[in-house]
Amino acid sequence: RTLCGIRPVAPGHREVVIAPQPGILKSIKAEYPHHLGTIKLNLKKDSGKMTGTITIPEGIKASLNTDEGRINLSSGENRVSFDIIN
């Protein structure tokens, strides 16, 4: 939960904010169980940029917090690319 930065922000976990904190890791591949399905992260870090996919189950409102701002995510697989300072 900490490494992936998945945090519920609404009752029943109906809304989550994702703010990955990879630190020195070069990739994050994780699954976060949720009563509506599984949130999946598959991200790689290279030269200060994170790229990859985040999968959100139907019925969950989700957003990705990055150093550049907030990105709204939709249900299903989301392709993401963003700068990361750490």
N, C-alpha and C. Protein backbone atom coordinates (compact mmCIF):
# COMPACT_ATOMS: atom_id res chain seq x y z
N ARG A 1 0.83 -1.20 0.00
CA ARG A 1 0.00 0.00 0.00
C ARG A 1 0.87 1.26 0.00
N THR A 2 1.93 1.29 0.79
CA THR A 2 2.78 2.48 0.87
C THR A 2 3.58 2.68 -0.41
N LEU A 3 4.23 1.65 -0.88
CA LEU A 3 5.03 1.72 -2.09
C LEU A 3 4.19 2.12 -3.30
N CYS A 4 3.01 1.52 -3.41
CA CYS A 4 2.10 1.83 -4.52
C CYS A 4 1.37 3.15 -4.30
N GLY A 5 1.25 3.55 -3.05
CA GLY A 5 0.57 4.80 -2.74
C GLY A 5 -0.92 4.76 -2.96
N ILE A 6 -1.55 3.61 -2.79
CA ILE A 6 -2.99 3.48 -2.98
C ILE A 6 -3.68 3.84 -1.67
N ARG A 7 -4.53 4.86 -1.75
CA ARG A 7 -5.19 5.37 -0.54
C ARG A 7 -6.67 5.59 -0.82
N PRO A 8 -7.55 4.97 -0.01
CA PRO A 8 -8.98 5.22 -0.18
C PRO A 8 -9.33 6.63 0.29
N VAL A 9 -10.23 7.31 -0.44
CA VAL A 9 -10.63 8.66 -0.06
C VAL A 9 -12.15 8.82 0.02
N ALA A 10 -12.89 7.70 -0.05
CA ALA A 10 -14.34 7.73 0.06
C ALA A 10 -14.81 6.48 0.80
N PRO A 11 -15.95 6.56 1.47
CA PRO A 11 -16.47 5.39 2.18
C PRO A 11 -16.60 4.18 1.25
N GLY A 12 -16.29 3.01 1.81
CA GLY A 12 -16.39 1.78 1.03
C GLY A 12 -15.32 1.65 -0.03
N HIS A 13 -14.28 2.45 0.06
CA HIS A 13 -13.19 2.44 -0.93
C HIS A 13 -13.70 2.66 -2.35
N ARG A 14 -14.79 3.40 -2.50
CA ARG A 14 -15.36 3.65 -3.83
C ARG A 14 -14.53 4.64 -4.64
N GLU A 15 -13.64 5.35 -3.95
CA GLU A 15 -12.73 6.27 -4.64
C GLU A 15 -11.35 6.11 -4.03
N VAL A 16 -10.34 6.00 -4.89
CA VAL A 16 -8.96 5.87 -4.43
C VAL A 16 -8.06 6.86 -5.16
N VAL A 17 -7.00 7.23 -4.46
CA VAL A 17 -5.94 8.04 -5.05
C VAL A 17 -4.69 7.18 -5.06
N ILE A 18 -3.98 7.20 -6.17
CA ILE A 18 -2.76 6.41 -6.33
C ILE A 18 -1.59 7.37 -6.50
N ALA A 19 -0.58 7.23 -5.64
CA ALA A 19 0.61 8.10 -5.69
C ALA A 19 1.84 7.22 -5.45
N PRO A 20 2.35 6.55 -6.49
CA PRO A 20 3.48 5.64 -6.32
C PRO A 20 4.72 6.34 -5.75
N GLN A 21 5.42 5.63 -4.88
CA GLN A 21 6.66 6.11 -4.28
C GLN A 21 7.74 5.06 -4.49
N PRO A 22 8.31 4.96 -5.70
CA PRO A 22 9.24 3.87 -5.99
C PRO A 22 10.61 3.99 -5.31
N GLY A 23 10.98 5.19 -4.87
CA GLY A 23 12.30 5.34 -4.27
C GLY A 23 13.38 4.89 -5.24
N ILE A 24 14.23 3.97 -4.81
CA ILE A 24 15.33 3.50 -5.67
C ILE A 24 14.92 2.35 -6.59
N LEU A 25 13.70 1.83 -6.42
CA LEU A 25 13.25 0.72 -7.26
C LEU A 25 13.07 1.16 -8.71
N LYS A 26 13.35 0.26 -9.62
CA LYS A 26 13.21 0.54 -11.05
C LYS A 26 11.84 0.15 -11.60
N SER A 27 11.07 -0.62 -10.81
CA SER A 27 9.74 -1.01 -11.27
C SER A 27 8.83 -1.32 -10.08
N ILE A 28 7.54 -1.23 -10.36
CA ILE A 28 6.51 -1.62 -9.38
C ILE A 28 5.51 -2.49 -10.13
N LYS A 29 5.34 -3.71 -9.65
CA LYS A 29 4.31 -4.59 -10.19
C LYS A 29 3.55 -5.11 -8.98
N ALA A 30 2.29 -4.69 -8.85
CA ALA A 30 1.55 -5.03 -7.64
C ALA A 30 0.07 -5.19 -7.93
N GLU A 31 -0.58 -5.92 -7.04
CA GLU A 31 -2.03 -6.07 -7.08
C GLU A 31 -2.57 -5.69 -5.72
N TYR A 32 -3.63 -4.88 -5.71
CA TYR A 32 -4.26 -4.40 -4.49
C TYR A 32 -5.69 -4.93 -4.47
N PRO A 33 -5.99 -5.90 -3.59
CA PRO A 33 -7.33 -6.46 -3.56
C PRO A 33 -8.37 -5.43 -3.10
N HIS A 34 -9.49 -5.43 -3.76
CA HIS A 34 -10.59 -4.50 -3.49
C HIS A 34 -11.88 -5.30 -3.64
N HIS A 35 -12.89 -4.97 -2.87
CA HIS A 35 -14.12 -5.76 -2.94
C HIS A 35 -14.82 -5.68 -4.30
N LEU A 36 -14.46 -4.72 -5.14
CA LEU A 36 -15.04 -4.62 -6.49
C LEU A 36 -14.12 -5.22 -7.57
N GLY A 37 -12.97 -5.72 -7.16
CA GLY A 37 -12.00 -6.27 -8.11
C GLY A 37 -10.59 -5.95 -7.64
N THR A 38 -9.62 -6.16 -8.49
CA THR A 38 -8.22 -5.94 -8.12
C THR A 38 -7.65 -4.75 -8.87
N ILE A 39 -7.06 -3.83 -8.13
CA ILE A 39 -6.33 -2.71 -8.73
C ILE A 39 -4.93 -3.22 -9.03
N LYS A 40 -4.48 -3.05 -10.27
CA LYS A 40 -3.17 -3.56 -10.68
C LYS A 40 -2.27 -2.43 -11.15
N LEU A 41 -1.03 -2.45 -10.71
CA LEU A 41 -0.02 -1.50 -11.16
C LEU A 41 1.12 -2.27 -11.81
N ASN A 42 1.57 -1.81 -12.96
CA ASN A 42 2.73 -2.37 -13.64
C ASN A 42 3.50 -1.18 -14.21
N LEU A 43 4.42 -0.64 -13.41
CA LEU A 43 5.12 0.59 -13.76
C LEU A 43 6.62 0.38 -13.79
N LYS A 44 7.29 1.07 -14.70
CA LYS A 44 8.75 1.02 -14.80
C LYS A 44 9.29 2.45 -14.74
N LYS A 45 10.42 2.61 -14.05
CA LYS A 45 11.07 3.92 -13.92
C LYS A 45 12.35 3.92 -14.73
N ASP A 46 12.52 4.96 -15.55
CA ASP A 46 13.73 5.10 -16.34
C ASP A 46 13.99 6.58 -16.57
N SER A 47 15.15 7.04 -16.19
CA SER A 47 15.56 8.44 -16.39
C SER A 47 14.53 9.44 -15.85
N GLY A 48 14.04 9.19 -14.64
CA GLY A 48 13.12 10.11 -14.00
C GLY A 48 11.70 10.08 -14.52
N LYS A 49 11.35 9.07 -15.30
CA LYS A 49 10.00 8.95 -15.85
C LYS A 49 9.44 7.58 -15.50
N MET A 50 8.17 7.55 -15.10
CA MET A 50 7.46 6.30 -14.86
C MET A 50 6.51 6.07 -16.02
N THR A 51 6.50 4.86 -16.54
CA THR A 51 5.58 4.49 -17.62
C THR A 51 5.01 3.11 -17.31
N GLY A 52 3.85 2.83 -17.85
CA GLY A 52 3.26 1.52 -17.67
C GLY A 52 1.76 1.57 -17.67
N THR A 53 1.15 0.63 -16.91
CA THR A 53 -0.30 0.54 -16.88
C THR A 53 -0.80 0.48 -15.45
N ILE A 54 -2.02 1.01 -15.27
CA ILE A 54 -2.76 0.89 -14.02
C ILE A 54 -4.15 0.41 -14.40
N THR A 55 -4.58 -0.70 -13.81
CA THR A 55 -5.89 -1.26 -14.11
C THR A 55 -6.83 -1.01 -12.94
N ILE A 56 -7.99 -0.43 -13.25
CA ILE A 56 -8.99 -0.07 -12.25
C ILE A 56 -10.27 -0.88 -12.50
N PRO A 57 -10.79 -1.57 -11.48
CA PRO A 57 -12.04 -2.31 -11.65
C PRO A 57 -13.23 -1.37 -11.87
N GLU A 58 -14.25 -1.88 -12.52
CA GLU A 58 -15.50 -1.15 -12.74
C GLU A 58 -16.10 -0.76 -11.39
N GLY A 59 -16.60 0.48 -11.30
CA GLY A 59 -17.26 0.94 -10.08
C GLY A 59 -16.38 1.69 -9.12
N ILE A 60 -15.08 1.80 -9.43
CA ILE A 60 -14.17 2.54 -8.57
C ILE A 60 -13.75 3.82 -9.29
N LYS A 61 -13.86 4.95 -8.60
CA LYS A 61 -13.35 6.21 -9.13
C LYS A 61 -11.89 6.31 -8.67
N ALA A 62 -10.98 6.59 -9.61
CA ALA A 62 -9.56 6.60 -9.26
C ALA A 62 -8.83 7.74 -9.94
N SER A 63 -7.79 8.21 -9.26
CA SER A 63 -6.91 9.22 -9.86
C SER A 63 -5.48 8.91 -9.47
N LEU A 64 -4.56 9.39 -10.30
CA LEU A 64 -3.13 9.20 -10.10
C LEU A 64 -2.53 10.55 -9.76
N ASN A 65 -1.91 10.66 -8.60
CA ASN A 65 -1.22 11.90 -8.22
C ASN A 65 0.24 11.79 -8.64
N THR A 66 0.70 12.77 -9.40
CA THR A 66 2.08 12.80 -9.86
C THR A 66 2.69 14.16 -9.52
N ASP A 67 3.97 14.29 -9.76
CA ASP A 67 4.64 15.58 -9.56
C ASP A 67 4.09 16.63 -10.53
N GLU A 68 3.48 16.18 -11.63
CA GLU A 68 2.92 17.09 -12.63
C GLU A 68 1.47 17.47 -12.34
N GLY A 69 0.82 16.76 -11.41
CA GLY A 69 -0.58 17.02 -11.10
C GLY A 69 -1.38 15.74 -11.03
N ARG A 70 -2.69 15.87 -11.06
CA ARG A 70 -3.58 14.72 -10.93
C ARG A 70 -4.07 14.26 -12.30
N ILE A 71 -4.07 12.95 -12.49
CA ILE A 71 -4.57 12.33 -13.73
C ILE A 71 -5.76 11.45 -13.35
N ASN A 72 -6.92 11.71 -13.92
CA ASN A 72 -8.09 10.86 -13.68
C ASN A 72 -7.93 9.56 -14.45
N LEU A 73 -8.24 8.45 -13.78
CA LEU A 73 -8.14 7.13 -14.40
C LEU A 73 -9.54 6.59 -14.65
N SER A 74 -9.70 5.82 -15.70
CA SER A 74 -10.99 5.22 -16.01
C SER A 74 -10.96 3.73 -15.66
N SER A 75 -12.12 3.09 -15.69
CA SER A 75 -12.18 1.65 -15.46
C SER A 75 -11.44 0.94 -16.58
N GLY A 76 -10.82 -0.17 -16.25
CA GLY A 76 -10.04 -0.91 -17.23
C GLY A 76 -8.57 -0.54 -17.16
N GLU A 77 -7.84 -0.86 -18.21
CA GLU A 77 -6.40 -0.61 -18.25
C GLU A 77 -6.12 0.82 -18.73
N ASN A 78 -5.33 1.54 -17.96
CA ASN A 78 -4.93 2.92 -18.27
C ASN A 78 -3.43 2.94 -18.55
N ARG A 79 -3.02 3.43 -19.71
CA ARG A 79 -1.60 3.63 -19.99
C ARG A 79 -1.20 4.98 -19.42
N VAL A 80 -0.10 4.99 -18.64
CA VAL A 80 0.33 6.22 -17.99
C VAL A 80 1.82 6.47 -18.26
N SER A 81 2.17 7.74 -18.25
CA SER A 81 3.56 8.17 -18.38
C SER A 81 3.67 9.51 -17.67
N PHE A 82 4.59 9.60 -16.70
CA PHE A 82 4.72 10.83 -15.93
C PHE A 82 6.12 10.95 -15.35
N ASP A 83 6.53 12.18 -15.12
CA ASP A 83 7.83 12.45 -14.50
C ASP A 83 7.75 12.16 -13.01
N ILE A 84 8.87 11.73 -12.44
CA ILE A 84 8.93 11.47 -11.02
C ILE A 84 10.27 11.97 -10.49
N ILE A 85 10.22 12.67 -9.39
CA ILE A 85 11.44 13.29 -8.85
C ILE A 85 12.29 12.28 -8.10
N ASN A 86 11.67 11.39 -7.28
CA ASN A 86 12.49 10.51 -6.44
C ASN A 86 12.97 9.30 -7.14
